[in-house]
């Protein structure tokens, strides 16, 4: 079993271009069956100011290629906004 706190320590990397996307801050879970639908990633680019909220990326669970010791590899990440089909 993997805990959310363990996943939050891993950096998210896009295998398509090697870009570093950030770290998991939350999960989207299907309330009916308890399955994880997507990971929510805090974007690397933070807005200016002490109280500004960082950008968040939604990556469908199906886009995860591998969960390693230190990183999570994701595929088919093409640009800003909502990623995947979650």
Foldseek 3Di string as FASTA:
>chain_A
DDDPVQQQQAWEAEPVPRDTAAGFDDFDADPVPGHTFWTKGFGPDFDDDDPGGGDIETAGPVQFDDDDNHHTYGYDDDDDDYYDDD
